[in-house]
């Protein structure tokens, strides 16, 4: 396996760079890809330079990134006034947007995910406000729904920062472990 270590390390680092980009671009694998790349490298090199301790640290980073994504987007939407209707609308819209984006735009599924989530929160909030034929002004309903959808964007941005930092930390830990 000696002649394979150099190309294996290069491939692992390329996958980690893709994971680093994915940690800030929604819809692409991020910190999880970095962890899986390190795990595969460790397995194929018999844990010579990347041991269990490093893998545990990278797993914890990946788990935190995964949870942070859900918390940040949900908190952003809730903080800006989204109700359960908006949250459910965002989930449905995100799934529908990702699927439609993948079907019609290929790589556009990540943009479909973002736009679908925002549209879903907006529609969910608008429907909630008007579900019983409330006589509140339509302009106020549009404003509330827009505000909740804007919270999703703020949540995505916060999530991207956290995931980007965790991705960078993960790659750094891996490179330090391999370079020793």
Foldseek 3Di string as FASTA:
>chain_A
DVVCLVVLVVVLVVQLVQQLVCQQQAPGHHLVSNLVSLVVSCVVVVNPLPHPVLSVLSVVLSVVLVVLLVCLLVCLLVVLPQDVLLQVLLVVQLVVQLVVCCVPPNVRSSVRNLVRNLVRSLVSQLCVVCVVPDPPDSVVSNVSSNSSSVSSVRSSNVSSVSSSVSSVVSVVSSVVSVVD
